[in-house]
Amino acid sequence: MKGYEEIFRQIGIRIAYYRKLRGYTQEVFSEMLGVSTSYYSQIEAAGCYKPISLRTLFRIAEALEVEPYKLLMRD
């Protein structure tokens, strides 16, 4: 996914921001989503650039009670 690393990094940062704002740990939030903590931590990891599906993005947005576009906005 060459060229998209920065976009994935920004999405992960936004997800982490909203997760922390809601007071969830990565462990608790990954359980809410039904994914492993390892997989979820890769989504937020600044150096990992983990692509995610739209389904996963929508599930994350729903759990965080934010509109999906807020996770996709670019700086």
PDB file of N, CA and C in Angstrom:
ATOM      1  N   MET A   1       0.837  -1.182   0.000  1.00  0.00           N
ATOM      2  CA  MET A   1       0.000   0.000   0.000  1.00  0.00           C
ATOM      3  C   MET A   1       0.879   1.242   0.000  1.00  0.00           C
ATOM      4  N   LYS A   2       1.832   1.225  -0.856  1.00  0.00           N
ATOM      5  CA  LYS A   2       2.768   2.337  -0.927  1.00  0.00           C
ATOM      6  C   LYS A   2       2.033   3.644  -1.195  1.00  0.00           C
ATOM      7  N   GLY A   3       2.412   4.670  -0.481  1.00  0.00           N
ATOM      8  CA  GLY A   3       1.820   5.970  -0.652  1.00  0.00           C
ATOM      9  C   GLY A   3       0.671   6.274   0.301  1.00  0.00           C
ATOM     10  N   TYR A   4       0.160   5.272   0.989  1.00  0.00           N
ATOM     11  CA  TYR A   4      -0.972   5.475   1.884  1.00  0.00           C
ATOM     12  C   TYR A   4      -0.578   5.427   3.352  1.00  0.00           C
ATOM     13  N   GLU A   5       0.691   5.245   3.618  1.00  0.00           N
ATOM     14  CA  GLU A   5       1.139   5.090   5.000  1.00  0.00           C
ATOM     15  C   GLU A   5       0.723   6.267   5.870  1.00  0.00           C
ATOM     16  N   GLU A   6       0.883   7.475   5.355  1.00  0.00           N
ATOM     17  CA  GLU A   6       0.550   8.668   6.146  1.00  0.00           C
ATOM     18  C   GLU A   6      -0.953   8.732   6.434  1.00  0.00           C
ATOM     19  N   ILE A   7      -1.764   8.353   5.481  1.00  0.00           N
ATOM     20  CA  ILE A   7      -3.212   8.351   5.685  1.00  0.00           C
ATOM     21  C   ILE A   7      -3.591   7.345   6.764  1.00  0.00           C
ATOM     22  N   PHE A   8      -3.029   6.128   6.695  1.00  0.00           N
ATOM     23  CA  PHE A   8      -3.319   5.121   7.717  1.00  0.00           C
ATOM     24  C   PHE A   8      -2.845   5.587   9.091  1.00  0.00           C
ATOM     25  N   ARG A   9      -1.702   6.255   9.140  1.00  0.00           N
ATOM     26  CA  ARG A   9      -1.171   6.764  10.397  1.00  0.00           C
ATOM     27  C   ARG A   9      -2.130   7.795  10.996  1.00  0.00           C
ATOM     28  N   GLN A  10      -2.629   8.703  10.161  1.00  0.00           N
ATOM     29  CA  GLN A  10      -3.554   9.731  10.634  1.00  0.00           C
ATOM     30  C   GLN A  10      -4.874   9.128  11.118  1.00  0.00           C
ATOM     31  N   ILE A  11      -5.371   8.125  10.414  1.00  0.00           N
ATOM     32  CA  ILE A  11      -6.597   7.452  10.850  1.00  0.00           C
ATOM     33  C   ILE A  11      -6.377   6.799  12.208  1.00  0.00           C
ATOM     34  N   GLY A  12      -5.249   6.126  12.371  1.00  0.00           N
ATOM     35  CA  GLY A  12      -4.931   5.492  13.653  1.00  0.00           C
ATOM     36  C   GLY A  12      -4.832   6.494  14.791  1.00  0.00           C
ATOM     37  N   ILE A  13      -4.256   7.659  14.506  1.00  0.00           N
ATOM     38  CA  ILE A  13      -4.147   8.713  15.518  1.00  0.00           C
ATOM     39  C   ILE A  13      -5.532   9.211  15.920  1.00  0.00           C
ATOM     40  N   ARG A  14      -6.401   9.390  14.953  1.00  0.00           N
ATOM     41  CA  ARG A  14      -7.761   9.857  15.258  1.00  0.00           C
ATOM     42  C   ARG A  14      -8.549   8.810  16.058  1.00  0.00           C
ATOM     43  N   ILE A  15      -8.402   7.568  15.661  1.00  0.00           N
ATOM     44  CA  ILE A  15      -9.086   6.498  16.399  1.00  0.00           C
ATOM     45  C   ILE A  15      -8.604   6.479  17.844  1.00  0.00           C
ATOM     46  N   ALA A  16      -7.295   6.566  18.041  1.00  0.00           N
ATOM     47  CA  ALA A  16      -6.732   6.571  19.396  1.00  0.00           C
ATOM     48  C   ALA A  16      -7.245   7.774  20.192  1.00  0.00           C
ATOM     49  N   TYR A  17      -7.333   8.926  19.551  1.00  0.00           N
ATOM     50  CA  TYR A  17      -7.819  10.133  20.216  1.00  0.00           C
ATOM     51  C   TYR A  17      -9.236   9.917  20.746  1.00  0.00           C
ATOM     52  N   TYR A  18     -10.139   9.465  19.891  1.00  0.00           N
ATOM     53  CA  TYR A  18     -11.528   9.271  20.305  1.00  0.00           C
ATOM     54  C   TYR A  18     -11.660   8.138  21.325  1.00  0.00           C
ATOM     55  N   ARG A  19     -10.849   7.091  21.177  1.00  0.00           N
ATOM     56  CA  ARG A  19     -10.881   5.992  22.152  1.00  0.00           C
ATOM     57  C   ARG A  19     -10.490   6.497  23.532  1.00  0.00           C
ATOM     58  N   LYS A  20      -9.408   7.260  23.599  1.00  0.00           N
ATOM     59  CA  LYS A  20      -8.940   7.798  24.882  1.00  0.00           C
ATOM     60  C   LYS A  20      -9.936   8.804  25.453  1.00  0.00           C
ATOM     61  N   LEU A  21     -10.553   9.594  24.565  1.00  0.00           N
ATOM     62  CA  LEU A  21     -11.559  10.562  24.988  1.00  0.00           C
ATOM     63  C   LEU A  21     -12.724   9.860  25.679  1.00  0.00           C
ATOM     64  N   ARG A  22     -13.053   8.650  25.221  1.00  0.00           N
ATOM     65  CA  ARG A  22     -14.141   7.866  25.813  1.00  0.00           C
ATOM     66  C   ARG A  22     -13.678   7.079  27.036  1.00  0.00           C
ATOM     67  N   GLY A  23     -12.360   7.065  27.297  1.00  0.00           N
ATOM     68  CA  GLY A  23     -11.840   6.391  28.482  1.00  0.00           C
ATOM     69  C   GLY A  23     -11.613   4.896  28.325  1.00  0.00           C
ATOM     70  N   TYR A  24     -11.535   4.407  27.088  1.00  0.00           N
ATOM     71  CA  TYR A  24     -11.315   2.984  26.852  1.00  0.00           C
ATOM     72  C   TYR A  24      -9.826   2.679  26.695  1.00  0.00           C
ATOM     73  N   THR A  25      -9.403   1.571  27.263  1.00  0.00           N
ATOM     74  CA  THR A  25      -8.060   1.071  26.977  1.00  0.00           C
ATOM     75  C   THR A  25      -8.120   0.315  25.647  1.00  0.00           C
ATOM     76  N   GLN A  26      -6.959   0.045  25.065  1.00  0.00           N
ATOM     77  CA  GLN A  26      -6.936  -0.747  23.838  1.00  0.00           C
ATOM     78  C   GLN A  26      -7.525  -2.130  24.087  1.00  0.00           C
ATOM     79  N   GLU A  27      -7.255  -2.702  25.239  1.00  0.00           N
ATOM     80  CA  GLU A  27      -7.746  -4.036  25.550  1.00  0.00           C
ATOM     81  C   GLU A  27      -9.273  -4.062  25.617  1.00  0.00           C
ATOM     82  N   VAL A  28      -9.835  -3.111  26.329  1.00  0.00           N
ATOM     83  CA  VAL A  28     -11.292  -3.048  26.470  1.00  0.00           C
ATOM     84  C   VAL A  28     -11.933  -2.767  25.114  1.00  0.00           C
ATOM     85  N   PHE A  29     -11.364  -1.820  24.375  1.00  0.00           N
ATOM     86  CA  PHE A  29     -11.963  -1.446  23.104  1.00  0.00           C
ATOM     87  C   PHE A  29     -11.881  -2.583  22.088  1.00  0.00           C
ATOM     88  N   SER A  30     -10.767  -3.298  22.067  1.00  0.00           N
ATOM     89  CA  SER A  30     -10.653  -4.425  21.134  1.00  0.00           C
ATOM     90  C   SER A  30     -11.681  -5.500  21.470  1.00  0.00           C
ATOM     91  N   GLU A  31     -11.950  -5.715  22.763  1.00  0.00           N
ATOM     92  CA  GLU A  31     -12.994  -6.664  23.168  1.00  0.00           C
ATOM     93  C   GLU A  31     -14.369  -6.197  22.692  1.00  0.00           C
ATOM     94  N   MET A  32     -14.628  -4.909  22.792  1.00  0.00           N
ATOM     95  CA  MET A  32     -15.903  -4.360  22.315  1.00  0.00           C
ATOM     96  C   MET A  32     -16.092  -4.624  20.825  1.00  0.00           C
ATOM     97  N   LEU A  33     -14.989  -4.546  20.075  1.00  0.00           N
ATOM     98  CA  LEU A  33     -15.047  -4.753  18.628  1.00  0.00           C
ATOM     99  C   LEU A  33     -15.022  -6.226  18.244  1.00  0.00           C
ATOM    100  N   GLY A  34     -14.604  -7.069  19.165  1.00  0.00           N
ATOM    101  CA  GLY A  34     -14.493  -8.490  18.863  1.00  0.00           C
ATOM    102  C   GLY A  34     -13.261  -8.830  18.047  1.00  0.00           C
ATOM    103  N   VAL A  35     -12.186  -8.051  18.254  1.00  0.00           N
ATOM    104  CA  VAL A  35     -10.919  -8.317  17.562  1.00  0.00           C
ATOM    105  C   VAL A  35      -9.828  -8.493  18.610  1.00  0.00           C
ATOM    106  N   SER A  36      -8.725  -9.068  18.204  1.00  0.00           N
ATOM    107  CA  SER A  36      -7.629  -9.261  19.153  1.00  0.00           C
ATOM    108  C   SER A  36      -6.986  -7.916  19.487  1.00  0.00           C
ATOM    109  N   THR A  37      -6.442  -7.836  20.686  1.00  0.00           N
ATOM    110  CA  THR A  37      -5.740  -6.625  21.100  1.00  0.00           C
ATOM    111  C   THR A  37      -4.551  -6.372  20.189  1.00  0.00           C
ATOM    112  N   SER A  38      -3.891  -7.429  19.768  1.00  0.00           N
ATOM    113  CA  SER A  38      -2.741  -7.299  18.869  1.00  0.00           C
ATOM    114  C   SER A  38      -3.151  -6.643  17.549  1.00  0.00           C
ATOM    115  N   TYR A  39      -4.239  -7.123  16.961  1.00  0.00           N
ATOM    116  CA  TYR A  39      -4.733  -6.540  15.708  1.00  0.00           C
ATOM    117  C   TYR A  39      -5.108  -5.082  15.913  1.00  0.00           C
ATOM    118  N   TYR A  40      -5.853  -4.808  16.980  1.00  0.00           N
ATOM    119  CA  TYR A  40      -6.294  -3.438  17.225  1.00  0.00           C
ATOM    120  C   TYR A  40      -5.117  -2.502  17.474  1.00  0.00           C
ATOM    121  N   SER A  41      -4.144  -2.942  18.232  1.00  0.00           N
ATOM    122  CA  SER A  41      -2.995  -2.072  18.523  1.00  0.00           C
ATOM    123  C   SER A  41      -2.236  -1.711  17.248  1.00  0.00           C
ATOM    124  N   GLN A  42      -2.255  -2.601  16.252  1.00  0.00           N
ATOM    125  CA  GLN A  42      -1.615  -2.292  14.973  1.00  0.00           C
ATOM    126  C   GLN A  42      -2.344  -1.177  14.230  1.00  0.00           C
ATOM    127  N   ILE A  43      -3.646  -1.079  14.408  1.00  0.00           N
ATOM    128  CA  ILE A  43      -4.419  -0.016  13.762  1.00  0.00           C
ATOM    129  C   ILE A  43      -3.957   1.346  14.280  1.00  0.00           C
ATOM    130  N   GLU A  44      -3.707   1.425  15.580  1.00  0.00           N
ATOM    131  CA  GLU A  44      -3.305   2.691  16.189  1.00  0.00           C
ATOM    132  C   GLU A  44      -1.801   2.955  16.133  1.00  0.00           C
ATOM    133  N   ALA A  45      -0.999   1.940  15.919  1.00  0.00           N
ATOM    134  CA  ALA A  45       0.455   2.093  15.978  1.00  0.00           C
ATOM    135  C   ALA A  45       0.968   3.035  14.894  1.00  0.00           C
ATOM    136  N   ALA A  46       1.714   4.040  15.313  1.00  0.00           N
ATOM    137  CA  ALA A  46       2.200   5.065  14.382  1.00  0.00           C
ATOM    138  C   ALA A  46       3.114   4.499  13.299  1.00  0.00           C
ATOM    139  N   GLY A  47       3.870   3.466  13.612  1.00  0.00           N
ATOM    140  CA  GLY A  47       4.812   2.929  12.638  1.00  0.00           C
ATOM    141  C   GLY A  47       4.343   1.679  11.929  1.00  0.00           C
ATOM    142  N   CYS A  48       3.078   1.299  12.090  1.00  0.00           N
ATOM    143  CA  CYS A  48       2.621   0.019  11.567  1.00  0.00           C
ATOM    144  C   CYS A  48       1.861   0.124  10.252  1.00  0.00           C
ATOM    145  N   TYR A  49       1.081   1.166  10.074  1.00  0.00           N
ATOM    146  CA  TYR A  49       0.320   1.394   8.838  1.00  0.00           C
ATOM    147  C   TYR A  49      -0.584   0.214   8.491  1.00  0.00           C
ATOM    148  N   LYS A  50      -1.454  -0.135   9.399  1.00  0.00           N
ATOM    149  CA  LYS A  50      -2.357  -1.269   9.214  1.00  0.00           C
ATOM    150  C   LYS A  50      -3.600  -0.839   8.438  1.00  0.00           C
ATOM    151  N   PRO A  51      -3.746  -1.309   7.191  1.00  0.00           N
ATOM    152  CA  PRO A  51      -4.981  -1.001   6.459  1.00  0.00           C
ATOM    153  C   PRO A  51      -6.164  -1.709   7.131  1.00  0.00           C
ATOM    154  N   ILE A  52      -7.321  -1.055   7.129  1.00  0.00           N
ATOM    155  CA  ILE A  52      -8.513  -1.667   7.704  1.00  0.00           C
ATOM    156  C   ILE A  52      -9.651  -1.596   6.686  1.00  0.00           C
ATOM    157  N   SER A  53     -10.592  -2.501   6.823  1.00  0.00           N
ATOM    158  CA  SER A  53     -11.744  -2.518   5.917  1.00  0.00           C
ATOM    159  C   SER A  53     -12.730  -1.421   6.317  1.00  0.00           C
ATOM    160  N   LEU A  54     -13.605  -1.081   5.396  1.00  0.00           N
ATOM    161  CA  LEU A  54     -14.657  -0.120   5.716  1.00  0.00           C
ATOM    162  C   LEU A  54     -15.560  -0.660   6.822  1.00  0.00           C
ATOM    163  N   ARG A  55     -15.810  -1.947   6.790  1.00  0.00           N
ATOM    164  CA  ARG A  55     -16.639  -2.561   7.837  1.00  0.00           C
ATOM    165  C   ARG A  55     -16.025  -2.326   9.211  1.00  0.00           C
ATOM    166  N   THR A  56     -14.714  -2.537   9.314  1.00  0.00           N
ATOM    167  CA  THR A  56     -14.016  -2.316  10.584  1.00  0.00           C
ATOM    168  C   THR A  56     -14.052  -0.845  10.960  1.00  0.00           C
ATOM    169  N   LEU A  57     -13.836   0.031  10.002  1.00  0.00           N
ATOM    170  CA  LEU A  57     -13.883   1.468  10.263  1.00  0.00           C
ATOM    171  C   LEU A  57     -15.256   1.878  10.788  1.00  0.00           C
ATOM    172  N   PHE A  58     -16.322   1.365  10.158  1.00  0.00           N
ATOM    173  CA  PHE A  58     -17.675   1.702  10.600  1.00  0.00           C
ATOM    174  C   PHE A  58     -17.958   1.144  11.994  1.00  0.00           C
ATOM    175  N   ARG A  59     -17.474  -0.045  12.287  1.00  0.00           N
ATOM    176  CA  ARG A  59     -17.663  -0.630  13.621  1.00  0.00           C
ATOM    177  C   ARG A  59     -16.945   0.202  14.673  1.00  0.00           C
ATOM    178  N   ILE A  60     -15.729   0.653  14.345  1.00  0.00           N
ATOM    179  CA  ILE A  60     -14.966   1.495  15.271  1.00  0.00           C
ATOM    180  C   ILE A  60     -15.701   2.807  15.503  1.00  0.00           C
ATOM    181  N   ALA A  61     -16.149   3.437  14.431  1.00  0.00           N
ATOM    182  CA  ALA A  61     -16.866   4.714  14.547  1.00  0.00           C
ATOM    183  C   ALA A  61     -18.127   4.558  15.395  1.00  0.00           C
ATOM    184  N   GLU A  62     -18.866   3.486  15.164  1.00  0.00           N
ATOM    185  CA  GLU A  62     -20.086   3.247  15.930  1.00  0.00           C
ATOM    186  C   GLU A  62     -19.774   3.064  17.415  1.00  0.00           C
ATOM    187  N   ALA A  63     -18.746   2.281  17.711  1.00  0.00           N
ATOM    188  CA  ALA A  63     -18.378   2.035  19.109  1.00  0.00           C
ATOM    189  C   ALA A  63     -17.894   3.320  19.787  1.00  0.00           C
ATOM    190  N   LEU A  64     -17.265   4.207  19.006  1.00  0.00           N
ATOM    191  CA  LEU A  64     -16.770   5.468  19.555  1.00  0.00           C
ATOM    192  C   LEU A  64     -17.823   6.575  19.524  1.00  0.00           C
ATOM    193  N   GLU A  65     -18.977   6.268  18.919  1.00  0.00           N
ATOM    194  CA  GLU A  65     -20.070   7.227  18.805  1.00  0.00           C
ATOM    195  C   GLU A  65     -19.648   8.487  18.059  1.00  0.00           C
ATOM    196  N   VAL A  66     -18.938   8.285  16.940  1.00  0.00           N
ATOM    197  CA  VAL A  66     -18.551   9.384  16.049  1.00  0.00           C
ATOM    198  C   VAL A  66     -18.935   8.995  14.626  1.00  0.00           C
ATOM    199  N   GLU A  67     -19.131   9.988  13.800  1.00  0.00           N
ATOM    200  CA  GLU A  67     -19.394   9.729  12.395  1.00  0.00           C
ATOM    201  C   GLU A  67     -18.102   9.231  11.727  1.00  0.00           C
ATOM    202  N   PRO A  68     -18.194   8.247  10.847  1.00  0.00           N
ATOM    203  CA  PRO A  68     -16.988   7.690  10.208  1.00  0.00           C
ATOM    204  C   PRO A  68     -16.120   8.741   9.517  1.00  0.00           C
ATOM    205  N   TYR A  69     -16.732   9.774   8.957  1.00  0.00           N
ATOM    206  CA  TYR A  69     -15.936  10.779   8.247  1.00  0.00           C
ATOM    207  C   TYR A  69     -14.945  11.474   9.182  1.00  0.00           C
ATOM    208  N   LYS A  70     -15.269  11.551  10.477  1.00  0.00           N
ATOM    209  CA  LYS A  70     -14.345  12.196  11.412  1.00  0.00           C
ATOM    210  C   LYS A  70     -13.047  11.417  11.553  1.00  0.00           C
ATOM    211  N   LEU A  71     -13.097  10.109  11.307  1.00  0.00           N
ATOM    212  CA  LEU A  71     -11.887   9.300  11.376  1.00  0.00           C
ATOM    213  C   LEU A  71     -11.073   9.399  10.090  1.00  0.00           C
ATOM    214  N   LEU A  72     -11.727   9.810   9.003  1.00  0.00           N
ATOM    215  CA  LEU A  72     -11.078   9.869   7.694  1.00  0.00           C
ATOM    216  C   LEU A  72     -10.566  11.258   7.320  1.00  0.00           C
ATOM    217  N   MET A  73     -10.924  12.265   8.076  1.00  0.00           N
ATOM    218  CA  MET A  73     -10.515  13.625   7.733  1.00  0.00           C
ATOM    219  C   MET A  73      -8.992  13.738   7.705  1.00  0.00           C
ATOM    220  N   ARG A  74      -8.506  14.515   6.774  1.00  0.00           N
ATOM    221  CA  ARG A  74      -7.052  14.704   6.660  1.00  0.00           C
ATOM    222  C   ARG A  74      -6.652  16.042   7.237  1.00  0.00           C
ATOM    223  N   ASP A  75      -5.447  16.097   7.780  1.00  0.00           N
ATOM    224  CA  ASP A  75      -4.918  17.350   8.348  1.00  0.00           C
ATOM    225  C   ASP A  75      -4.676  18.368   7.264  1.00  0.00           C
TER     226      ASP A  75
END
